[in-house]
Amino acid sequence: MELTTTLMMSTVIISVCALLHLYGAYQDQKWLFYVFKPVTTLAITALCWYLAPELNDYVWLILLGLLLSTLGDIFLMLPKDRFIPGLLSFLVAHLAYIIAFSMHVELSYSWALILPLTIIAMVYLTILWPSLAAMKTPVFVYMSIIVIMAWISGERYFSLDSTASLYAFIGALVFLCSDATLAFDRFKKQFHSAYGVIIVSYYLAQYFIALSVI
C-alpha cells in the first residue's frame, strides 16, 4: 500500500514538473523551461532509486542511464544548443540501458523483433538522409544504437515475461518514437507541436524504464 501511494504521488510530481517545463517552452518562460527539464528527469531518477528492491548491477546501469540523460537534457537546452555533446550523452545512456537489458537474458535473435525494427529504421533514415548533411554519420550511429536498445529490451521481455521487463520494452519503444520525432523536427520539417510530442514521449520512456527496476 505504501509503495503504491508513493508511486502515485511521485507520478503526479513528475507530471507536474513536465507540464511546467512544457509551459515554459511554449510561453517563453525561460526559468521554468531551464529548471524543470532536468528536474523532471532527476525526479524520475529518484523514483527509480526508491523503487529498486536492491541496488544490483541492473539498477546501477539504469540509474547511470538516467543521470546521463539528465546531462543530455542540459546540453540540448543550452542557448547555443550543444547538440553533439547532448547526442553523445544520450548515446552512452542508451549503451548503459542496452547492457542492463541484456543481463540474465539469452538472446534468441528473433526476426519477429529484428525485421520490423530494421525496416522502420531504414525507411526513416531514407526519409531523413537528404537533409542530414554533415550529421549523417552521428545520426546513423545514434539510430543504430537506439534500435538495438529497442531490440534487446524486446528480447528481455520475451525471455523473462515479467511486468518489469514489459516496462523496459515499452520504455525503449517510446524512446524510439521520441527520438524519431526529434530527428524529423530538427532535420526534415519543423512543426509547432513537435516539442510537446518529443518531451511527453521522452519522459514517458524514461518513466517506464525507471519502473523496470521493480
N, C-alpha and C. Protein backbone atom coordinates (compact mmCIF):
# COMPACT_ATOMS: atom_id res chain seq x y z
N MET A 1 0.84 -1.21 0.00
CA MET A 1 0.00 0.00 0.00
C MET A 1 0.87 1.26 0.00
N GLU A 2 1.92 1.26 0.85
CA GLU A 2 2.80 2.42 0.94
C GLU A 2 3.52 2.64 -0.39
N LEU A 3 3.97 1.53 -1.02
CA LEU A 3 4.67 1.63 -2.30
C LEU A 3 3.75 2.20 -3.38
N THR A 4 2.50 1.73 -3.41
CA THR A 4 1.53 2.21 -4.40
C THR A 4 1.27 3.70 -4.22
N THR A 5 1.10 4.12 -2.97
CA THR A 5 0.86 5.54 -2.68
C THR A 5 2.04 6.40 -3.11
N THR A 6 3.25 5.93 -2.78
CA THR A 6 4.46 6.66 -3.16
C THR A 6 4.59 6.76 -4.67
N LEU A 7 4.29 5.66 -5.36
CA LEU A 7 4.36 5.66 -6.82
C LEU A 7 3.38 6.65 -7.42
N MET A 8 2.16 6.67 -6.88
CA MET A 8 1.14 7.61 -7.38
C MET A 8 1.56 9.05 -7.14
N MET A 9 2.04 9.34 -5.93
CA MET A 9 2.46 10.71 -5.61
C MET A 9 3.65 11.13 -6.47
N SER A 10 4.59 10.21 -6.65
CA SER A 10 5.76 10.51 -7.48
C SER A 10 5.37 10.77 -8.92
N THR A 11 4.41 9.98 -9.41
CA THR A 11 3.93 10.16 -10.79
C THR A 11 3.29 11.53 -10.97
N VAL A 12 2.53 11.96 -9.97
CA VAL A 12 1.91 13.29 -10.02
C VAL A 12 2.98 14.38 -10.03
N ILE A 13 3.99 14.23 -9.16
CA ILE A 13 5.06 15.23 -9.09
C ILE A 13 5.82 15.30 -10.42
N ILE A 14 6.15 14.14 -10.98
CA ILE A 14 6.86 14.09 -12.26
C ILE A 14 6.02 14.74 -13.36
N SER A 15 4.72 14.45 -13.36
CA SER A 15 3.82 15.02 -14.38
C SER A 15 3.74 16.53 -14.27
N VAL A 16 3.65 17.04 -13.04
CA VAL A 16 3.58 18.49 -12.82
C VAL A 16 4.88 19.15 -13.29
N CYS A 17 6.02 18.56 -12.95
CA CYS A 17 7.31 19.10 -13.39
C CYS A 17 7.40 19.14 -14.91
N ALA A 18 6.95 18.07 -15.56
CA ALA A 18 6.99 18.01 -17.03
C ALA A 18 6.08 19.07 -17.64
N LEU A 19 4.90 19.25 -17.05
CA LEU A 19 3.96 20.26 -17.56
C LEU A 19 4.51 21.67 -17.37
N LEU A 20 5.18 21.92 -16.25
CA LEU A 20 5.79 23.23 -16.02
C LEU A 20 6.89 23.51 -17.04
N HIS A 21 7.65 22.48 -17.36
CA HIS A 21 8.68 22.63 -18.40
C HIS A 21 8.04 22.96 -19.74
N LEU A 22 6.99 22.23 -20.09
CA LEU A 22 6.31 22.48 -21.37
C LEU A 22 5.68 23.86 -21.40
N TYR A 23 5.10 24.27 -20.29
CA TYR A 23 4.52 25.62 -20.21
C TYR A 23 5.61 26.66 -20.45
N GLY A 24 6.77 26.45 -19.82
CA GLY A 24 7.88 27.37 -20.03
C GLY A 24 8.35 27.40 -21.47
N ALA A 25 8.32 26.25 -22.13
CA ALA A 25 8.76 26.17 -23.53
C ALA A 25 7.83 26.93 -24.46
N TYR A 26 6.53 26.74 -24.27
CA TYR A 26 5.55 27.32 -25.20
C TYR A 26 5.16 28.76 -24.85
N GLN A 27 5.37 29.15 -23.57
CA GLN A 27 5.02 30.51 -23.16
C GLN A 27 6.26 31.39 -22.96
N ASP A 28 7.41 30.88 -23.39
CA ASP A 28 8.67 31.62 -23.30
C ASP A 28 8.98 32.06 -21.87
N GLN A 29 8.69 31.18 -20.92
CA GLN A 29 9.06 31.40 -19.52
C GLN A 29 10.38 30.66 -19.28
N LYS A 30 11.47 31.36 -19.50
CA LYS A 30 12.77 30.69 -19.57
C LYS A 30 13.15 29.96 -18.28
N TRP A 31 12.85 30.55 -17.13
CA TRP A 31 13.27 29.90 -15.89
C TRP A 31 12.53 28.58 -15.68
N LEU A 32 11.25 28.54 -16.06
CA LEU A 32 10.51 27.27 -15.99
C LEU A 32 11.10 26.25 -16.96
N PHE A 33 11.42 26.72 -18.15
CA PHE A 33 11.99 25.84 -19.17
C PHE A 33 13.31 25.24 -18.70
N TYR A 34 14.22 26.08 -18.20
CA TYR A 34 15.56 25.62 -17.83
C TYR A 34 15.57 24.80 -16.54
N VAL A 35 14.75 25.17 -15.58
CA VAL A 35 14.76 24.47 -14.29
C VAL A 35 14.09 23.11 -14.39
N PHE A 36 12.92 23.05 -15.01
CA PHE A 36 12.11 21.83 -14.90
C PHE A 36 12.44 20.76 -15.93
N LYS A 37 13.26 21.07 -16.93
CA LYS A 37 13.66 19.98 -17.83
C LYS A 37 14.55 18.97 -17.10
N PRO A 38 15.68 19.40 -16.51
CA PRO A 38 16.48 18.42 -15.76
C PRO A 38 15.82 17.95 -14.47
N VAL A 39 15.04 18.82 -13.84
CA VAL A 39 14.38 18.44 -12.58
C VAL A 39 13.43 17.26 -12.80
N THR A 40 12.73 17.25 -13.94
CA THR A 40 11.81 16.15 -14.22
C THR A 40 12.56 14.83 -14.36
N THR A 41 13.67 14.85 -15.10
CA THR A 41 14.45 13.62 -15.26
C THR A 41 15.07 13.18 -13.94
N LEU A 42 15.51 14.14 -13.13
CA LEU A 42 16.06 13.81 -11.81
C LEU A 42 14.98 13.23 -10.90
N ALA A 43 13.74 13.72 -11.03
CA ALA A 43 12.63 13.17 -10.25
C ALA A 43 12.38 11.71 -10.63
N ILE A 44 12.47 11.42 -11.92
CA ILE A 44 12.32 10.04 -12.39
C ILE A 44 13.47 9.18 -11.85
N THR A 45 14.67 9.75 -11.82
CA THR A 45 15.83 9.04 -11.28
C THR A 45 15.63 8.72 -9.80
N ALA A 46 15.12 9.69 -9.05
CA ALA A 46 14.86 9.48 -7.62
C ALA A 46 13.81 8.39 -7.42
N LEU A 47 12.79 8.38 -8.26
CA LEU A 47 11.76 7.34 -8.18
C LEU A 47 12.37 5.97 -8.44
N CYS A 48 13.23 5.89 -9.43
CA CYS A 48 13.91 4.63 -9.76
C CYS A 48 14.69 4.12 -8.56
N TRP A 49 15.44 5.02 -7.94
CA TRP A 49 16.23 4.67 -6.75
C TRP A 49 15.33 4.14 -5.65
N TYR A 50 14.20 4.80 -5.43
CA TYR A 50 13.29 4.41 -4.36
C TYR A 50 12.63 3.05 -4.64
N LEU A 51 12.27 2.81 -5.89
CA LEU A 51 11.53 1.59 -6.24
C LEU A 51 12.40 0.34 -6.21
N ALA A 52 13.71 0.50 -6.38
CA ALA A 52 14.59 -0.66 -6.50
C ALA A 52 14.62 -1.47 -5.20
N PRO A 53 14.29 -2.76 -5.27
CA PRO A 53 14.34 -3.59 -4.06
C PRO A 53 15.76 -3.71 -3.51
N GLU A 54 16.75 -3.70 -4.43
CA GLU A 54 18.16 -3.73 -4.04
C GLU A 54 18.97 -3.02 -5.13
N LEU A 55 20.12 -2.51 -4.73
CA LEU A 55 20.96 -1.78 -5.69
C LEU A 55 21.92 -2.76 -6.37
N ASN A 56 21.37 -3.55 -7.29
CA ASN A 56 22.19 -4.51 -8.04
C ASN A 56 22.73 -3.86 -9.31
N ASP A 57 23.45 -4.65 -10.12
CA ASP A 57 24.07 -4.10 -11.33
C ASP A 57 23.04 -3.52 -12.30
N TYR A 58 21.89 -4.19 -12.42
CA TYR A 58 20.85 -3.70 -13.33
C TYR A 58 20.39 -2.31 -12.90
N VAL A 59 20.13 -2.15 -11.62
CA VAL A 59 19.64 -0.86 -11.11
C VAL A 59 20.69 0.23 -11.32
N TRP A 60 21.95 -0.07 -11.02
CA TRP A 60 23.01 0.93 -11.20
C TRP A 60 23.12 1.38 -12.65
N LEU A 61 22.97 0.45 -13.58
CA LEU A 61 23.05 0.80 -15.00
C LEU A 61 21.87 1.67 -15.43
N ILE A 62 20.68 1.36 -14.91
CA ILE A 62 19.51 2.20 -15.23
C ILE A 62 19.69 3.59 -14.63
N LEU A 63 20.17 3.66 -13.39
CA LEU A 63 20.42 4.96 -12.77
C LEU A 63 21.47 5.74 -13.56
N LEU A 64 22.52 5.06 -14.01
CA LEU A 64 23.54 5.71 -14.83
C LEU A 64 22.93 6.26 -16.11
N GLY A 65 22.09 5.47 -16.76
CA GLY A 65 21.42 5.93 -17.98
C GLY A 65 20.56 7.16 -17.74
N LEU A 66 19.86 7.18 -16.61
CA LEU A 66 19.01 8.33 -16.28
C LEU A 66 19.84 9.58 -15.99
N LEU A 67 20.95 9.41 -15.29
CA LEU A 67 21.81 10.56 -14.98
C LEU A 67 22.48 11.11 -16.25
N LEU A 68 22.91 10.21 -17.13
CA LEU A 68 23.49 10.65 -18.40
C LEU A 68 22.43 11.34 -19.26
N SER A 69 21.20 10.88 -19.17
CA SER A 69 20.10 11.53 -19.90
C SER A 69 19.86 12.93 -19.36
N THR A 70 19.98 13.09 -18.04
CA THR A 70 19.85 14.42 -17.45
C THR A 70 20.93 15.35 -17.99
N LEU A 71 22.15 14.83 -18.10
CA LEU A 71 23.24 15.62 -18.67
C LEU A 71 22.93 15.98 -20.13
N GLY A 72 22.39 15.02 -20.88
CA GLY A 72 21.98 15.29 -22.26
C GLY A 72 20.90 16.35 -22.33
N ASP A 73 19.96 16.30 -21.38
CA ASP A 73 18.90 17.32 -21.32
C ASP A 73 19.51 18.71 -21.19
N ILE A 74 20.49 18.83 -20.31
CA ILE A 74 21.12 20.13 -20.06
C ILE A 74 21.84 20.63 -21.31
N PHE A 75 22.59 19.75 -21.97
CA PHE A 75 23.29 20.14 -23.20
C PHE A 75 22.32 20.64 -24.27
N LEU A 76 21.22 19.91 -24.45
CA LEU A 76 20.29 20.23 -25.54
C LEU A 76 19.46 21.48 -25.28
N MET A 77 19.35 21.90 -24.02
CA MET A 77 18.53 23.09 -23.76
C MET A 77 19.38 24.35 -23.62
N LEU A 78 20.71 24.21 -23.67
CA LEU A 78 21.56 25.40 -23.58
C LEU A 78 21.30 26.33 -24.76
N PRO A 79 21.46 27.64 -24.54
CA PRO A 79 21.15 28.62 -25.60
C PRO A 79 21.87 28.34 -26.91
N LYS A 80 23.12 27.88 -26.86
CA LYS A 80 23.86 27.60 -28.09
C LYS A 80 23.66 26.17 -28.58
N ASP A 81 22.80 25.41 -27.90
CA ASP A 81 22.41 24.07 -28.35
C ASP A 81 23.61 23.17 -28.61
N ARG A 82 24.15 22.59 -27.57
CA ARG A 82 25.28 21.66 -27.69
C ARG A 82 24.76 20.30 -28.17
N PHE A 83 24.41 20.23 -29.46
CA PHE A 83 23.73 19.04 -29.97
C PHE A 83 24.63 17.80 -29.92
N ILE A 84 25.88 17.93 -30.33
CA ILE A 84 26.78 16.77 -30.36
C ILE A 84 27.07 16.26 -28.94
N PRO A 85 27.44 17.13 -27.97
CA PRO A 85 27.61 16.62 -26.60
C PRO A 85 26.32 15.99 -26.05
N GLY A 86 25.17 16.59 -26.39
CA GLY A 86 23.89 16.01 -25.97
C GLY A 86 23.67 14.65 -26.58
N LEU A 87 23.98 14.55 -27.87
CA LEU A 87 23.83 13.27 -28.58
C LEU A 87 24.73 12.21 -27.96
N LEU A 88 25.96 12.58 -27.64
CA LEU A 88 26.90 11.63 -27.03
C LEU A 88 26.43 11.19 -25.65
N SER A 89 25.88 12.12 -24.87
CA SER A 89 25.36 11.78 -23.54
C SER A 89 24.25 10.74 -23.64
N PHE A 90 23.33 10.97 -24.56
CA PHE A 90 22.23 10.02 -24.74
C PHE A 90 22.72 8.71 -25.35
N LEU A 91 23.73 8.79 -26.20
CA LEU A 91 24.30 7.58 -26.79
C LEU A 91 24.86 6.66 -25.70
N VAL A 92 25.63 7.23 -24.78
CA VAL A 92 26.20 6.44 -23.69
C VAL A 92 25.09 5.96 -22.75
N ALA A 93 24.06 6.80 -22.55
CA ALA A 93 22.91 6.38 -21.74
C ALA A 93 22.24 5.15 -22.34
N HIS A 94 22.06 5.16 -23.66
CA HIS A 94 21.46 4.01 -24.34
C HIS A 94 22.34 2.77 -24.22
N LEU A 95 23.65 2.96 -24.27
CA LEU A 95 24.57 1.82 -24.09
C LEU A 95 24.42 1.23 -22.69
N ALA A 96 24.25 2.09 -21.69
CA ALA A 96 24.02 1.61 -20.32
C ALA A 96 22.72 0.81 -20.26
N TYR A 97 21.67 1.32 -20.92
CA TYR A 97 20.40 0.60 -20.95
C TYR A 97 20.54 -0.74 -21.67
N ILE A 98 21.28 -0.76 -22.77
CA ILE A 98 21.47 -2.00 -23.53
C ILE A 98 22.15 -3.06 -22.66
N ILE A 99 23.20 -2.66 -21.95
CA ILE A 99 23.89 -3.60 -21.07
C ILE A 99 22.95 -4.11 -19.98
N ALA A 100 22.16 -3.19 -19.41
CA ALA A 100 21.20 -3.59 -18.37
C ALA A 100 20.17 -4.56 -18.91
N PHE A 101 19.58 -4.24 -20.05
CA PHE A 101 18.51 -5.07 -20.62
C PHE A 101 19.01 -6.46 -21.04
N SER A 102 20.30 -6.55 -21.35
CA SER A 102 20.85 -7.83 -21.81
C SER A 102 21.26 -8.75 -20.66
N MET A 103 21.21 -8.24 -19.44
CA MET A 103 21.64 -9.04 -18.29
C MET A 103 20.68 -10.20 -18.04
N HIS A 104 21.26 -11.38 -17.82
CA HIS A 104 20.49 -12.60 -17.50
C HIS A 104 19.49 -12.96 -18.59
N VAL A 105 19.81 -12.61 -19.83
CA VAL A 105 18.92 -12.89 -20.96
C VAL A 105 19.70 -13.64 -22.04
N GLU A 106 19.15 -14.73 -22.52
CA GLU A 106 19.74 -15.45 -23.64
C GLU A 106 19.06 -14.97 -24.92
N LEU A 107 19.82 -14.30 -25.77
CA LEU A 107 19.25 -13.69 -26.97
C LEU A 107 18.78 -14.76 -27.96
N SER A 108 17.58 -14.56 -28.49
CA SER A 108 17.02 -15.52 -29.45
C SER A 108 17.23 -15.07 -30.89
N TYR A 109 17.59 -13.78 -31.08
CA TYR A 109 17.75 -13.19 -32.41
C TYR A 109 16.50 -13.42 -33.26
N SER A 110 15.36 -13.19 -32.63
CA SER A 110 14.07 -13.42 -33.30
C SER A 110 13.84 -12.38 -34.39
N TRP A 111 13.54 -12.87 -35.60
CA TRP A 111 13.23 -11.97 -36.71
C TRP A 111 11.94 -11.20 -36.47
N ALA A 112 11.09 -11.73 -35.60
CA ALA A 112 9.84 -11.03 -35.27
C ALA A 112 10.13 -9.69 -34.61
N LEU A 113 11.30 -9.57 -33.98
CA LEU A 113 11.73 -8.29 -33.40
C LEU A 113 12.67 -7.54 -34.34
N ILE A 114 13.66 -8.25 -34.86
CA ILE A 114 14.71 -7.60 -35.64
C ILE A 114 14.19 -7.01 -36.94
N LEU A 115 13.37 -7.77 -37.67
CA LEU A 115 12.94 -7.34 -39.00
C LEU A 115 12.11 -6.06 -38.98
N PRO A 116 11.03 -5.97 -38.16
CA PRO A 116 10.25 -4.72 -38.18
C PRO A 116 11.05 -3.51 -37.71
N LEU A 117 11.89 -3.69 -36.70
CA LEU A 117 12.70 -2.57 -36.22
C LEU A 117 13.69 -2.11 -37.29
N THR A 118 14.29 -3.06 -37.99
CA THR A 118 15.25 -2.72 -39.06
C THR A 118 14.55 -2.01 -40.21
N ILE A 119 13.39 -2.51 -40.61
CA ILE A 119 12.65 -1.88 -41.72
C ILE A 119 12.25 -0.45 -41.36
N ILE A 120 11.72 -0.28 -40.14
CA ILE A 120 11.31 1.05 -39.70
C ILE A 120 12.50 2.01 -39.71
N ALA A 121 13.64 1.55 -39.18
CA ALA A 121 14.84 2.39 -39.12
C ALA A 121 15.33 2.76 -40.52
N MET A 122 15.32 1.79 -41.44
CA MET A 122 15.81 2.04 -42.80
C MET A 122 14.90 3.02 -43.55
N VAL A 123 13.59 2.84 -43.40
CA VAL A 123 12.65 3.75 -44.05
C VAL A 123 12.83 5.17 -43.50
N TYR A 124 12.96 5.26 -42.18
CA TYR A 124 13.09 6.58 -41.56
C TYR A 124 14.39 7.26 -41.96
N LEU A 125 15.48 6.49 -41.99
CA LEU A 125 16.76 7.06 -42.42
C LEU A 125 16.71 7.52 -43.88
N THR A 126 16.00 6.76 -44.71
CA THR A 126 15.85 7.14 -46.12
C THR A 126 15.15 8.49 -46.25
N ILE A 127 14.14 8.70 -45.40
CA ILE A 127 13.40 9.97 -45.41
C ILE A 127 14.30 11.13 -44.95
N LEU A 128 15.09 10.88 -43.90
CA LEU A 128 15.90 11.94 -43.31
C LEU A 128 17.20 12.21 -44.08
N TRP A 129 17.73 11.19 -44.74
CA TRP A 129 19.09 11.22 -45.29
C TRP A 129 19.44 12.47 -46.09
N PRO A 130 18.60 12.90 -47.04
CA PRO A 130 18.96 14.08 -47.84
C PRO A 130 19.11 15.36 -47.01
N SER A 131 18.50 15.39 -45.84
CA SER A 131 18.51 16.61 -45.01
C SER A 131 19.59 16.59 -43.94
N LEU A 132 20.32 15.50 -43.81
CA LEU A 132 21.24 15.36 -42.68
C LEU A 132 22.58 16.05 -42.87
N ALA A 133 23.01 16.23 -44.12
CA ALA A 133 24.29 16.89 -44.42
C ALA A 133 25.44 16.27 -43.61
N ALA A 134 26.13 17.11 -42.81
CA ALA A 134 27.29 16.63 -42.05
C ALA A 134 26.91 15.73 -40.88
N MET A 135 25.62 15.63 -40.58
CA MET A 135 25.16 14.85 -39.43
C MET A 135 24.82 13.41 -39.80
N LYS A 136 25.10 13.00 -41.03
CA LYS A 136 24.74 11.65 -41.47
C LYS A 136 25.31 10.56 -40.56
N THR A 137 26.61 10.62 -40.31
CA THR A 137 27.26 9.58 -39.50
C THR A 137 26.77 9.58 -38.06
N PRO A 138 26.76 10.74 -37.36
CA PRO A 138 26.25 10.73 -35.98
C PRO A 138 24.81 10.22 -35.87
N VAL A 139 23.95 10.64 -36.78
CA VAL A 139 22.55 10.22 -36.73
C VAL A 139 22.43 8.73 -37.02
N PHE A 140 23.20 8.23 -37.99
CA PHE A 140 23.16 6.80 -38.31
C PHE A 140 23.61 5.96 -37.11
N VAL A 141 24.70 6.37 -36.47
CA VAL A 141 25.21 5.63 -35.30
C VAL A 141 24.20 5.67 -34.17
N TYR A 142 23.66 6.86 -33.91
CA TYR A 142 22.69 7.01 -32.82
C TYR A 142 21.44 6.18 -33.07
N MET A 143 20.92 6.23 -34.28
CA MET A 143 19.71 5.47 -34.59
C MET A 143 19.97 3.97 -34.48
N SER A 144 21.15 3.54 -34.90
CA SER A 144 21.50 2.12 -34.79
C SER A 144 21.49 1.68 -33.33
N ILE A 145 22.06 2.52 -32.46
CA ILE A 145 22.13 2.18 -31.04
C ILE A 145 20.74 2.11 -30.41
N ILE A 146 19.88 3.08 -30.73
CA ILE A 146 18.56 3.08 -30.10
C ILE A 146 17.69 1.94 -30.63
N VAL A 147 17.89 1.56 -31.89
CA VAL A 147 17.16 0.39 -32.43
C VAL A 147 17.65 -0.88 -31.75
N ILE A 148 18.96 -0.98 -31.51
CA ILE A 148 19.49 -2.13 -30.77
C ILE A 148 18.91 -2.16 -29.36
N MET A 149 18.79 -0.99 -28.72
CA MET A 149 18.20 -0.93 -27.39
C MET A 149 16.77 -1.45 -27.40
N ALA A 150 16.00 -1.03 -28.40
CA ALA A 150 14.61 -1.50 -28.50
C ALA A 150 14.57 -3.01 -28.72
N TRP A 151 15.47 -3.51 -29.56
CA TRP A 151 15.52 -4.95 -29.83
C TRP A 151 15.88 -5.74 -28.57
N ILE A 152 16.94 -5.30 -27.86
CA ILE A 152 17.38 -6.02 -26.65
C ILE A 152 16.29 -5.99 -25.58
N SER A 153 15.60 -4.86 -25.46
CA SER A 153 14.52 -4.77 -24.46
C SER A 153 13.39 -5.74 -24.81
N GLY A 154 13.13 -5.90 -26.12
CA GLY A 154 12.13 -6.87 -26.55
C GLY A 154 12.57 -8.29 -26.25
N GLU A 155 13.84 -8.58 -26.50
CA GLU A 155 14.39 -9.90 -26.16
C GLU A 155 14.24 -10.17 -24.66
N ARG A 156 14.49 -9.14 -23.86
CA ARG A 156 14.37 -9.29 -22.40
C ARG A 156 12.93 -9.63 -22.01
N TYR A 157 11.99 -8.92 -22.61
CA TYR A 157 10.59 -9.16 -22.27
C TYR A 157 10.16 -10.57 -22.67
N PHE A 158 10.49 -10.99 -23.90
CA PHE A 158 10.06 -12.31 -24.36
C PHE A 158 10.80 -13.44 -23.63
N SER A 159 11.97 -13.12 -23.08
CA SER A 159 12.72 -14.13 -22.32
C SER A 159 12.22 -14.25 -20.89
N LEU A 160 12.02 -13.12 -20.22
CA LEU A 160 11.65 -13.13 -18.80
C LEU A 160 10.15 -13.11 -18.58
N ASP A 161 9.40 -12.51 -19.52
CA ASP A 161 7.94 -12.44 -19.44
C ASP A 161 7.47 -11.92 -18.09
N SER A 162 8.05 -10.80 -17.67
CA SER A 162 7.69 -10.20 -16.38
C SER A 162 7.16 -8.79 -16.59
N THR A 163 6.49 -8.27 -15.58
CA THR A 163 5.99 -6.90 -15.65
C THR A 163 7.14 -5.90 -15.79
N ALA A 164 8.21 -6.13 -15.04
CA ALA A 164 9.36 -5.23 -15.09
C ALA A 164 9.98 -5.19 -16.49
N SER A 165 10.12 -6.37 -17.11
CA SER A 165 10.70 -6.40 -18.46
C SER A 165 9.76 -5.79 -19.50
N LEU A 166 8.45 -5.88 -19.25
CA LEU A 166 7.48 -5.23 -20.14
C LEU A 166 7.63 -3.71 -20.05
N TYR A 167 7.83 -3.20 -18.84
CA TYR A 167 8.05 -1.76 -18.67
C TYR A 167 9.29 -1.31 -19.46
N ALA A 168 10.35 -2.10 -19.40
CA ALA A 168 11.57 -1.76 -20.14
C ALA A 168 11.31 -1.74 -21.64
N PHE A 169 10.56 -2.71 -22.13
CA PHE A 169 10.24 -2.80 -23.56
C PHE A 169 9.41 -1.61 -24.01
N ILE A 170 8.38 -1.28 -23.22
CA ILE A 170 7.54 -0.12 -23.54
C ILE A 170 8.39 1.15 -23.55
N GLY A 171 9.23 1.31 -22.53
CA GLY A 171 10.07 2.49 -22.44
C GLY A 171 10.99 2.65 -23.63
N ALA A 172 11.60 1.54 -24.05
CA ALA A 172 12.53 1.60 -25.19
C ALA A 172 11.80 1.96 -26.48
N LEU A 173 10.61 1.39 -26.69
CA LEU A 173 9.85 1.69 -27.91
C LEU A 173 9.38 3.15 -27.93
N VAL A 174 8.94 3.64 -26.78
CA VAL A 174 8.50 5.04 -26.70
C VAL A 174 9.70 5.98 -26.90
N PHE A 175 10.85 5.59 -26.38
CA PHE A 175 12.08 6.37 -26.58
C PHE A 175 12.40 6.46 -28.07
N LEU A 176 12.25 5.35 -28.77
CA LEU A 176 12.49 5.33 -30.21
C LEU A 176 11.57 6.31 -30.93
N CYS A 177 10.30 6.34 -30.53
CA CYS A 177 9.34 7.27 -31.13
C CYS A 177 9.70 8.72 -30.82
N SER A 178 10.13 8.97 -29.58
CA SER A 178 10.51 10.33 -29.18
C SER A 178 11.69 10.84 -30.00
N ASP A 179 12.72 10.01 -30.13
CA ASP A 179 13.90 10.43 -30.88
C ASP A 179 13.62 10.55 -32.38
N ALA A 180 12.71 9.71 -32.88
CA ALA A 180 12.33 9.82 -34.30
C ALA A 180 11.64 11.15 -34.57
N THR A 181 10.78 11.56 -33.64
CA THR A 181 10.10 12.85 -33.77
C THR A 181 11.09 14.00 -33.69
N LEU A 182 12.05 13.88 -32.76
CA LEU A 182 13.09 14.91 -32.62
C LEU A 182 13.89 15.05 -33.91
N ALA A 183 14.29 13.92 -34.49
CA ALA A 183 15.09 13.96 -35.72
C ALA A 183 14.29 14.56 -36.88
N PHE A 184 13.02 14.19 -36.99
CA PHE A 184 12.19 14.72 -38.07
C PHE A 184 12.03 16.23 -37.94
N ASP A 185 11.76 16.67 -36.71
CA ASP A 185 11.56 18.11 -36.47
C ASP A 185 12.85 18.89 -36.69
N ARG A 186 13.97 18.31 -36.32
CA ARG A 186 15.24 19.03 -36.43
C ARG A 186 15.79 19.04 -37.84
N PHE A 187 15.66 17.92 -38.55
CA PHE A 187 16.36 17.79 -39.84
C PHE A 187 15.44 17.81 -41.06
N LYS A 188 14.16 17.54 -40.88
CA LYS A 188 13.28 17.44 -42.05
C LYS A 188 12.28 18.58 -42.12
N LYS A 189 11.39 18.64 -41.16
CA LYS A 189 10.34 19.68 -41.21
C LYS A 189 9.87 19.99 -39.79
N GLN A 190 9.99 21.24 -39.40
CA GLN A 190 9.56 21.64 -38.06
C GLN A 190 8.04 21.80 -38.02
N PHE A 191 7.46 21.42 -36.87
CA PHE A 191 6.03 21.67 -36.67
C PHE A 191 5.81 22.08 -35.21
N HIS A 192 4.78 22.90 -34.98
CA HIS A 192 4.60 23.60 -33.71
C HIS A 192 4.46 22.65 -32.52
N SER A 193 3.76 21.56 -32.71
CA SER A 193 3.50 20.65 -31.58
C SER A 193 4.63 19.65 -31.36
N ALA A 194 5.68 19.74 -32.17
CA ALA A 194 6.76 18.74 -32.10
C ALA A 194 7.37 18.65 -30.71
N TYR A 195 7.68 19.80 -30.11
CA TYR A 195 8.36 19.77 -28.82
C TYR A 195 7.50 19.09 -27.76
N GLY A 196 6.21 19.35 -27.79
CA GLY A 196 5.31 18.70 -26.84
C GLY A 196 5.31 17.19 -27.01
N VAL A 197 5.25 16.74 -28.26
CA VAL A 197 5.28 15.30 -28.55
C VAL A 197 6.60 14.69 -28.09
N ILE A 198 7.69 15.38 -28.39
CA ILE A 198 9.03 14.88 -28.04
C ILE A 198 9.18 14.75 -26.52
N ILE A 199 8.81 15.80 -25.80
CA ILE A 199 9.02 15.82 -24.35
C ILE A 199 8.11 14.83 -23.63
N VAL A 200 6.83 14.80 -24.00
CA VAL A 200 5.91 13.88 -23.34
C VAL A 200 6.35 12.43 -23.56
N SER A 201 6.69 12.09 -24.79
CA SER A 201 7.13 10.71 -25.08
C SER A 201 8.47 10.42 -24.42
N TYR A 202 9.35 11.41 -24.35
CA TYR A 202 10.66 11.22 -23.71
C TYR A 202 10.51 10.91 -22.22
N TYR A 203 9.71 11.72 -21.53
CA TYR A 203 9.53 11.47 -20.10
C TYR A 203 8.78 10.17 -19.83
N LEU A 204 7.82 9.83 -20.69
CA LEU A 204 7.13 8.54 -20.56
C LEU A 204 8.12 7.39 -20.71
N ALA A 205 9.01 7.51 -21.69
CA ALA A 205 10.01 6.47 -21.93
C ALA A 205 10.90 6.28 -20.70
N GLN A 206 11.41 7.38 -20.17
CA GLN A 206 12.29 7.29 -19.01
C GLN A 206 11.53 6.78 -17.78
N TYR A 207 10.28 7.16 -17.66
CA TYR A 207 9.44 6.71 -16.54
C TYR A 207 9.28 5.19 -16.58
N PHE A 208 8.95 4.66 -17.75
CA PHE A 208 8.76 3.21 -17.86
C PHE A 208 10.08 2.46 -17.67
N ILE A 209 11.16 3.01 -18.19
CA ILE A 209 12.46 2.37 -17.97
C ILE A 209 12.81 2.36 -16.48
N ALA A 210 12.51 3.45 -15.79
CA ALA A 210 12.75 3.51 -14.34
C ALA A 210 11.92 2.45 -13.61
N LEU A 211 10.68 2.25 -14.06
CA LEU A 211 9.81 1.25 -13.42
C LEU A 211 10.33 -0.17 -13.61
N SER A 212 11.21 -0.38 -14.58
CA SER A 212 11.70 -1.74 -14.85
C SER A 212 12.59 -2.28 -13.74
N VAL A 213 12.91 -1.46 -12.73
CA VAL A 213 13.76 -1.95 -11.63
C VAL A 213 12.94 -2.65 -10.55
N ILE A 214 11.62 -2.61 -10.65
CA ILE A 214 10.79 -3.17 -9.57
C ILE A 214 10.90 -4.69 -9.51
